[in-house]
Every structure is written in structure tokens, then in C-alpha cells.
Amino acid sequence: MRVEINDYIIMDTEICHGKPTFKGTRIMVWQVLEMLKSGYKVEDILKEFPSLTENHIKAALEFAAKKAAGERLVKA
């Protein structure tokens, strides 16, 4: 089963055990959030994951904020 969270993030039971990933990759959202928490700069993350853009990172932060606020996560 595949669920679109937003334009950049999906959850698919066939990819990374259904954990939120960036579309078209196996990069999990938690990895980027963990890197930000650890002090990585956006530029560093983009070097580590060249298939991502700044918009992917913004989408990850939006996802985390909505999850923390208890808001609906699935794209309407």
C-alpha cells in the first residue's frame, strides 16, 4: 500500500518497511531529520544525498511539525 504524505514524501509498504521516504528514493525522512538534529547544514545533507533538494528537506520539516502537532499527515 502506498500513501502520499506530500509532494515529496510517501509511505509504501514495499519500500523501507513502510517508513516515510522521499519519493523515488530509499532515503528515509528520519535520516534527514536526524542529520538536522545533529547539526548538519542543509548543504551538507544535499552533498550526502545528491538526489534530494532543499524542498525535500523543507517537506521533512513540515512532516515532523505536523506529526508533532497531531495534524493529518496524508495529502488531501
PDB file of N, CA and C in Angstrom:
ATOM      1  N   MET A   1       0.840  -1.177   0.000  1.00  0.00           N
ATOM      2  CA  MET A   1       0.000   0.000   0.000  1.00  0.00           C
ATOM      3  C   MET A   1       0.887   1.244   0.000  1.00  0.00           C
ATOM      4  N   ARG A   2       0.528   2.223  -0.808  1.00  0.00           N
ATOM      5  CA  ARG A   2       1.291   3.463  -0.931  1.00  0.00           C
ATOM      6  C   ARG A   2       0.419   4.639  -0.522  1.00  0.00           C
ATOM      7  N   VAL A   3       0.976   5.498   0.332  1.00  0.00           N
ATOM      8  CA  VAL A   3       0.269   6.696   0.795  1.00  0.00           C
ATOM      9  C   VAL A   3       1.158   7.897   0.519  1.00  0.00           C
ATOM     10  N   GLU A   4       0.604   8.911  -0.142  1.00  0.00           N
ATOM     11  CA  GLU A   4       1.348  10.150  -0.378  1.00  0.00           C
ATOM     12  C   GLU A   4       1.140  11.079   0.801  1.00  0.00           C
ATOM     13  N   ILE A   5       2.236  11.466   1.426  1.00  0.00           N
ATOM     14  CA  ILE A   5       2.175  12.383   2.566  1.00  0.00           C
ATOM     15  C   ILE A   5       2.112  13.822   2.062  1.00  0.00           C
ATOM     16  N   ASN A   6       3.012  14.153   1.137  1.00  0.00           N
ATOM     17  CA  ASN A   6       3.008  15.459   0.487  1.00  0.00           C
ATOM     18  C   ASN A   6       3.679  15.273  -0.877  1.00  0.00           C
ATOM     19  N   ASP A   7       4.045  16.347  -1.532  1.00  0.00           N
ATOM     20  CA  ASP A   7       4.630  16.236  -2.868  1.00  0.00           C
ATOM     21  C   ASP A   7       5.979  15.524  -2.881  1.00  0.00           C
ATOM     22  N   TYR A   8       6.618  15.377  -1.744  1.00  0.00           N
ATOM     23  CA  TYR A   8       7.969  14.832  -1.678  1.00  0.00           C
ATOM     24  C   TYR A   8       8.095  13.548  -0.864  1.00  0.00           C
ATOM     25  N   ILE A   9       7.117  13.252  -0.033  1.00  0.00           N
ATOM     26  CA  ILE A   9       7.233  12.130   0.910  1.00  0.00           C
ATOM     27  C   ILE A   9       6.092  11.136   0.702  1.00  0.00           C
ATOM     28  N   ILE A  10       6.468   9.850   0.736  1.00  0.00           N
ATOM     29  CA  ILE A  10       5.480   8.771   0.652  1.00  0.00           C
ATOM     30  C   ILE A  10       5.744   7.753   1.754  1.00  0.00           C
ATOM     31  N   MET A  11       4.738   6.932   1.996  1.00  0.00           N
ATOM     32  CA  MET A  11       4.888   5.731   2.817  1.00  0.00           C
ATOM     33  C   MET A  11       4.385   4.590   1.947  1.00  0.00           C
ATOM     34  N   ASP A  12       5.242   3.614   1.707  1.00  0.00           N
ATOM     35  CA  ASP A  12       4.906   2.482   0.854  1.00  0.00           C
ATOM     36  C   ASP A  12       5.367   1.213   1.559  1.00  0.00           C
ATOM     37  N   THR A  13       4.460   0.296   1.768  1.00  0.00           N
ATOM     38  CA  THR A  13       4.794  -0.929   2.488  1.00  0.00           C
ATOM     39  C   THR A  13       5.865  -1.744   1.761  1.00  0.00           C
ATOM     40  N   GLU A  14       6.092  -1.480   0.469  1.00  0.00           N
ATOM     41  CA  GLU A  14       7.102  -2.188  -0.314  1.00  0.00           C
ATOM     42  C   GLU A  14       8.477  -1.516  -0.231  1.00  0.00           C
ATOM     43  N   ILE A  15       8.552  -0.331   0.377  1.00  0.00           N
ATOM     44  CA  ILE A  15       9.806   0.419   0.448  1.00  0.00           C
ATOM     45  C   ILE A  15      10.124   0.707   1.904  1.00  0.00           C
ATOM     46  N   CYS A  16      11.286   0.270   2.362  1.00  0.00           N
ATOM     47  CA  CYS A  16      11.774   0.545   3.726  1.00  0.00           C
ATOM     48  C   CYS A  16      10.738   0.237   4.798  1.00  0.00           C
ATOM     49  N   HIS A  17      10.045  -0.890   4.640  1.00  0.00           N
ATOM     50  CA  HIS A  17       9.059  -1.366   5.631  1.00  0.00           C
ATOM     51  C   HIS A  17       7.959  -0.348   5.920  1.00  0.00           C
ATOM     52  N   GLY A  18       7.633   0.498   4.938  1.00  0.00           N
ATOM     53  CA  GLY A  18       6.540   1.448   5.109  1.00  0.00           C
ATOM     54  C   GLY A  18       6.909   2.720   5.843  1.00  0.00           C
ATOM     55  N   LYS A  19       8.173   2.890   6.169  1.00  0.00           N
ATOM     56  CA  LYS A  19       8.595   4.135   6.829  1.00  0.00           C
ATOM     57  C   LYS A  19       8.540   5.271   5.807  1.00  0.00           C
ATOM     58  N   PRO A  20       8.299   6.501   6.247  1.00  0.00           N
ATOM     59  CA  PRO A  20       8.261   7.629   5.313  1.00  0.00           C
ATOM     60  C   PRO A  20       9.600   7.802   4.596  1.00  0.00           C
ATOM     61  N   THR A  21       9.531   7.850   3.263  1.00  0.00           N
ATOM     62  CA  THR A  21      10.710   8.048   2.431  1.00  0.00           C
ATOM     63  C   THR A  21      10.437   9.167   1.432  1.00  0.00           C
ATOM     64  N   PHE A  22      11.506   9.655   0.848  1.00  0.00           N
ATOM     65  CA  PHE A  22      11.354  10.658  -0.202  1.00  0.00           C
ATOM     66  C   PHE A  22      11.043   9.941  -1.501  1.00  0.00           C
ATOM     67  N   LYS A  23      10.063  10.444  -2.245  1.00  0.00           N
ATOM     68  CA  LYS A  23       9.623   9.801  -3.487  1.00  0.00           C
ATOM     69  C   LYS A  23      10.797   9.497  -4.389  1.00  0.00           C
ATOM     70  N   GLY A  24      10.778   8.293  -4.951  1.00  0.00           N
ATOM     71  CA  GLY A  24      11.791   7.885  -5.904  1.00  0.00           C
ATOM     72  C   GLY A  24      13.123   7.503  -5.285  1.00  0.00           C
ATOM     73  N   THR A  25      13.183   7.440  -3.949  1.00  0.00           N
ATOM     74  CA  THR A  25      14.430   7.083  -3.263  1.00  0.00           C
ATOM     75  C   THR A  25      14.131   6.065  -2.167  1.00  0.00           C
ATOM     76  N   ARG A  26      15.171   5.601  -1.540  1.00  0.00           N
ATOM     77  CA  ARG A  26      15.053   4.792  -0.329  1.00  0.00           C
ATOM     78  C   ARG A  26      15.607   5.579   0.856  1.00  0.00           C
ATOM     79  N   ILE A  27      15.671   6.885   0.700  1.00  0.00           N
ATOM     80  CA  ILE A  27      16.143   7.757   1.780  1.00  0.00           C
ATOM     81  C   ILE A  27      14.967   8.011   2.712  1.00  0.00           C
ATOM     82  N   MET A  28      15.130   7.627   3.962  1.00  0.00           N
ATOM     83  CA  MET A  28      14.050   7.787   4.926  1.00  0.00           C
ATOM     84  C   MET A  28      14.074   9.187   5.541  1.00  0.00           C
ATOM     85  N   VAL A  29      12.894   9.705   5.761  1.00  0.00           N
ATOM     86  CA  VAL A  29      12.741  11.058   6.298  1.00  0.00           C
ATOM     87  C   VAL A  29      13.464  11.193   7.627  1.00  0.00           C
ATOM     88  N   TRP A  30      13.391  10.169   8.465  1.00  0.00           N
ATOM     89  CA  TRP A  30      14.032  10.268   9.777  1.00  0.00           C
ATOM     90  C   TRP A  30      15.529  10.486   9.644  1.00  0.00           C
ATOM     91  N   GLN A  31      16.146   9.967   8.578  1.00  0.00           N
ATOM     92  CA  GLN A  31      17.587  10.146   8.394  1.00  0.00           C
ATOM     93  C   GLN A  31      17.940  11.628   8.247  1.00  0.00           C
ATOM     94  N   VAL A  32      17.171  12.332   7.449  1.00  0.00           N
ATOM     95  CA  VAL A  32      17.420  13.761   7.236  1.00  0.00           C
ATOM     96  C   VAL A  32      17.117  14.547   8.508  1.00  0.00           C
ATOM     97  N   LEU A  33      16.030  14.206   9.179  1.00  0.00           N
ATOM     98  CA  LEU A  33      15.696  14.905  10.424  1.00  0.00           C
ATOM     99  C   LEU A  33      16.780  14.679  11.480  1.00  0.00           C
ATOM    100  N   GLU A  34      17.285  13.469  11.550  1.00  0.00           N
ATOM    101  CA  GLU A  34      18.355  13.151  12.499  1.00  0.00           C
ATOM    102  C   GLU A  34      19.623  13.947  12.170  1.00  0.00           C
ATOM    103  N   MET A  35      19.917  14.086  10.899  1.00  0.00           N
ATOM    104  CA  MET A  35      21.090  14.862  10.487  1.00  0.00           C
ATOM    105  C   MET A  35      20.925  16.333  10.885  1.00  0.00           C
ATOM    106  N   LEU A  36      19.736  16.878  10.679  1.00  0.00           N
ATOM    107  CA  LEU A  36      19.481  18.265  11.081  1.00  0.00           C
ATOM    108  C   LEU A  36      19.641  18.420  12.587  1.00  0.00           C
ATOM    109  N   LYS A  37      19.104  17.468  13.327  1.00  0.00           N
ATOM    110  CA  LYS A  37      19.212  17.493  14.789  1.00  0.00           C
ATOM    111  C   LYS A  37      20.673  17.444  15.240  1.00  0.00           C
ATOM    112  N   SER A  38      21.474  16.714  14.488  1.00  0.00           N
ATOM    113  CA  SER A  38      22.888  16.560  14.829  1.00  0.00           C
ATOM    114  C   SER A  38      23.750  17.748  14.401  1.00  0.00           C
ATOM    115  N   GLY A  39      23.134  18.740  13.773  1.00  0.00           N
ATOM    116  CA  GLY A  39      23.876  19.942  13.408  1.00  0.00           C
ATOM    117  C   GLY A  39      24.325  20.036  11.966  1.00  0.00           C
ATOM    118  N   TYR A  40      23.964  19.056  11.151  1.00  0.00           N
ATOM    119  CA  TYR A  40      24.307  19.143   9.734  1.00  0.00           C
ATOM    120  C   TYR A  40      23.610  20.351   9.118  1.00  0.00           C
ATOM    121  N   LYS A  41      24.296  21.012   8.221  1.00  0.00           N
ATOM    122  CA  LYS A  41      23.702  22.107   7.461  1.00  0.00           C
ATOM    123  C   LYS A  41      23.004  21.510   6.250  1.00  0.00           C
ATOM    124  N   VAL A  42      22.048  22.257   5.719  1.00  0.00           N
ATOM    125  CA  VAL A  42      21.310  21.793   4.542  1.00  0.00           C
ATOM    126  C   VAL A  42      22.283  21.420   3.425  1.00  0.00           C
ATOM    127  N   GLU A  43      23.294  22.235   3.227  1.00  0.00           N
ATOM    128  CA  GLU A  43      24.270  21.975   2.165  1.00  0.00           C
ATOM    129  C   GLU A  43      24.971  20.627   2.372  1.00  0.00           C
ATOM    130  N   ASP A  44      25.266  20.296   3.628  1.00  0.00           N
ATOM    131  CA  ASP A  44      25.918  19.020   3.941  1.00  0.00           C
ATOM    132  C   ASP A  44      25.005  17.843   3.609  1.00  0.00           C
ATOM    133  N   ILE A  45      23.740  17.997   3.923  1.00  0.00           N
ATOM    134  CA  ILE A  45      22.766  16.923   3.655  1.00  0.00           C
ATOM    135  C   ILE A  45      22.629  16.726   2.148  1.00  0.00           C
ATOM    136  N   LEU A  46      22.581  17.821   1.411  1.00  0.00           N
ATOM    137  CA  LEU A  46      22.444  17.724  -0.046  1.00  0.00           C
ATOM    138  C   LEU A  46      23.680  17.084  -0.683  1.00  0.00           C
ATOM    139  N   LYS A  47      24.837  17.285  -0.089  1.00  0.00           N
ATOM    140  CA  LYS A  47      26.053  16.615  -0.578  1.00  0.00           C
ATOM    141  C   LYS A  47      25.998  15.120  -0.277  1.00  0.00           C
ATOM    142  N   GLU A  48      25.486  14.770   0.895  1.00  0.00           N
ATOM    143  CA  GLU A  48      25.368  13.367   1.306  1.00  0.00           C
ATOM    144  C   GLU A  48      24.316  12.627   0.473  1.00  0.00           C
ATOM    145  N   PHE A  49      23.240  13.331   0.140  1.00  0.00           N
ATOM    146  CA  PHE A  49      22.140  12.756  -0.651  1.00  0.00           C
ATOM    147  C   PHE A  49      21.873  13.641  -1.863  1.00  0.00           C
ATOM    148  N   PRO A  50      22.673  13.513  -2.921  1.00  0.00           N
ATOM    149  CA  PRO A  50      22.555  14.409  -4.073  1.00  0.00           C
ATOM    150  C   PRO A  50      21.214  14.341  -4.812  1.00  0.00           C
ATOM    151  N   SER A  51      20.424  13.300  -4.582  1.00  0.00           N
ATOM    152  CA  SER A  51      19.123  13.211  -5.250  1.00  0.00           C
ATOM    153  C   SER A  51      18.065  14.086  -4.562  1.00  0.00           C
ATOM    154  N   LEU A  52      18.389  14.624  -3.397  1.00  0.00           N
ATOM    155  CA  LEU A  52      17.450  15.493  -2.678  1.00  0.00           C
ATOM    156  C   LEU A  52      17.697  16.956  -3.020  1.00  0.00           C
ATOM    157  N   THR A  53      16.664  17.760  -2.786  1.00  0.00           N
ATOM    158  CA  THR A  53      16.757  19.205  -2.957  1.00  0.00           C
ATOM    159  C   THR A  53      16.389  19.870  -1.637  1.00  0.00           C
ATOM    160  N   GLU A  54      16.548  21.161  -1.590  1.00  0.00           N
ATOM    161  CA  GLU A  54      16.152  21.902  -0.398  1.00  0.00           C
ATOM    162  C   GLU A  54      14.659  21.721  -0.120  1.00  0.00           C
ATOM    163  N   ASN A  55      13.870  21.569  -1.170  1.00  0.00           N
ATOM    164  CA  ASN A  55      12.428  21.351  -0.992  1.00  0.00           C
ATOM    165  C   ASN A  55      12.133  20.032  -0.280  1.00  0.00           C
ATOM    166  N   HIS A  56      12.940  19.016  -0.507  1.00  0.00           N
ATOM    167  CA  HIS A  56      12.774  17.750   0.211  1.00  0.00           C
ATOM    168  C   HIS A  56      12.987  17.962   1.710  1.00  0.00           C
ATOM    169  N   ILE A  57      14.003  18.725   2.047  1.00  0.00           N
ATOM    170  CA  ILE A  57      14.307  18.973   3.463  1.00  0.00           C
ATOM    171  C   ILE A  57      13.194  19.794   4.105  1.00  0.00           C
ATOM    172  N   LYS A  58      12.686  20.781   3.398  1.00  0.00           N
ATOM    173  CA  LYS A  58      11.556  21.565   3.916  1.00  0.00           C
ATOM    174  C   LYS A  58      10.338  20.669   4.120  1.00  0.00           C
ATOM    175  N   ALA A  59      10.118  19.739   3.196  1.00  0.00           N
ATOM    176  CA  ALA A  59       8.987  18.807   3.324  1.00  0.00           C
ATOM    177  C   ALA A  59       9.162  17.912   4.544  1.00  0.00           C
ATOM    178  N   ALA A  60      10.388  17.509   4.820  1.00  0.00           N
ATOM    179  CA  ALA A  60      10.661  16.682   6.003  1.00  0.00           C
ATOM    180  C   ALA A  60      10.359  17.463   7.278  1.00  0.00           C
ATOM    181  N   LEU A  61      10.745  18.718   7.316  1.00  0.00           N
ATOM    182  CA  LEU A  61      10.464  19.553   8.493  1.00  0.00           C
ATOM    183  C   LEU A  61       8.961  19.786   8.651  1.00  0.00           C
ATOM    184  N   GLU A  62       8.275  19.998   7.538  1.00  0.00           N
ATOM    185  CA  GLU A  62       6.821  20.168   7.595  1.00  0.00           C
ATOM    186  C   GLU A  62       6.161  18.888   8.112  1.00  0.00           C
ATOM    187  N   PHE A  63       6.632  17.745   7.628  1.00  0.00           N
ATOM    188  CA  PHE A  63       6.120  16.451   8.080  1.00  0.00           C
ATOM    189  C   PHE A  63       6.294  16.304   9.586  1.00  0.00           C
ATOM    190  N   ALA A  64       7.485  16.606  10.080  1.00  0.00           N
ATOM    191  CA  ALA A  64       7.768  16.483  11.515  1.00  0.00           C
ATOM    192  C   ALA A  64       6.907  17.435  12.332  1.00  0.00           C
ATOM    193  N   ALA A  65       6.737  18.656  11.850  1.00  0.00           N
ATOM    194  CA  ALA A  65       5.928  19.643  12.574  1.00  0.00           C
ATOM    195  C   ALA A  65       4.471  19.190  12.648  1.00  0.00           C
ATOM    196  N   LYS A  66       3.935  18.698  11.541  1.00  0.00           N
ATOM    197  CA  LYS A  66       2.541  18.233  11.533  1.00  0.00           C
ATOM    198  C   LYS A  66       2.369  17.016  12.429  1.00  0.00           C
ATOM    199  N   LYS A  67       3.331  16.113  12.384  1.00  0.00           N
ATOM    200  CA  LYS A  67       3.250  14.921  13.237  1.00  0.00           C
ATOM    201  C   LYS A  67       3.277  15.323  14.711  1.00  0.00           C
ATOM    202  N   ALA A  68       4.160  16.256  15.071  1.00  0.00           N
ATOM    203  CA  ALA A  68       4.263  16.708  16.458  1.00  0.00           C
ATOM    204  C   ALA A  68       2.996  17.420  16.902  1.00  0.00           C
ATOM    205  N   ALA A  69       2.350  18.118  15.978  1.00  0.00           N
ATOM    206  CA  ALA A  69       1.131  18.845  16.317  1.00  0.00           C
ATOM    207  C   ALA A  69      -0.113  17.949  16.264  1.00  0.00           C
ATOM    208  N   GLY A  70       0.074  16.712  15.830  1.00  0.00           N
ATOM    209  CA  GLY A  70      -1.061  15.790  15.749  1.00  0.00           C
ATOM    210  C   GLY A  70      -1.971  16.063  14.569  1.00  0.00           C
ATOM    211  N   GLU A  71      -1.447  16.775  13.572  1.00  0.00           N
ATOM    212  CA  GLU A  71      -2.259  17.098  12.383  1.00  0.00           C
ATOM    213  C   GLU A  71      -2.306  15.917  11.420  1.00  0.00           C
ATOM    214  N   ARG A  72      -3.240  15.982  10.506  1.00  0.00           N
ATOM    215  CA  ARG A  72      -3.380  14.980   9.461  1.00  0.00           C
ATOM    216  C   ARG A  72      -2.138  15.009   8.581  1.00  0.00           C
ATOM    217  N   LEU A  73      -1.555  13.855   8.339  1.00  0.00           N
ATOM    218  CA  LEU A  73      -0.313  13.782   7.582  1.00  0.00           C
ATOM    219  C   LEU A  73      -0.517  13.480   6.108  1.00  0.00           C
ATOM    220  N   VAL A  74      -1.602  12.832   5.746  1.00  0.00           N
ATOM    221  CA  VAL A  74      -1.815  12.375   4.376  1.00  0.00           C
ATOM    222  C   VAL A  74      -2.264  13.529   3.497  1.00  0.00           C
ATOM    223  N   LYS A  75      -1.682  13.573   2.295  1.00  0.00           N
ATOM    224  CA  LYS A  75      -2.017  14.605   1.306  1.00  0.00           C
ATOM    225  C   LYS A  75      -3.501  14.525   0.977  1.00  0.00           C
ATOM    226  N   ALA A  76      -4.156  15.654   0.999  1.00  0.00           N
ATOM    227  CA  ALA A  76      -5.615  15.686   0.714  1.00  0.00           C
ATOM    228  C   ALA A  76      -5.897  15.592  -0.763  1.00  0.00           C
TER     229      ALA A  76
END
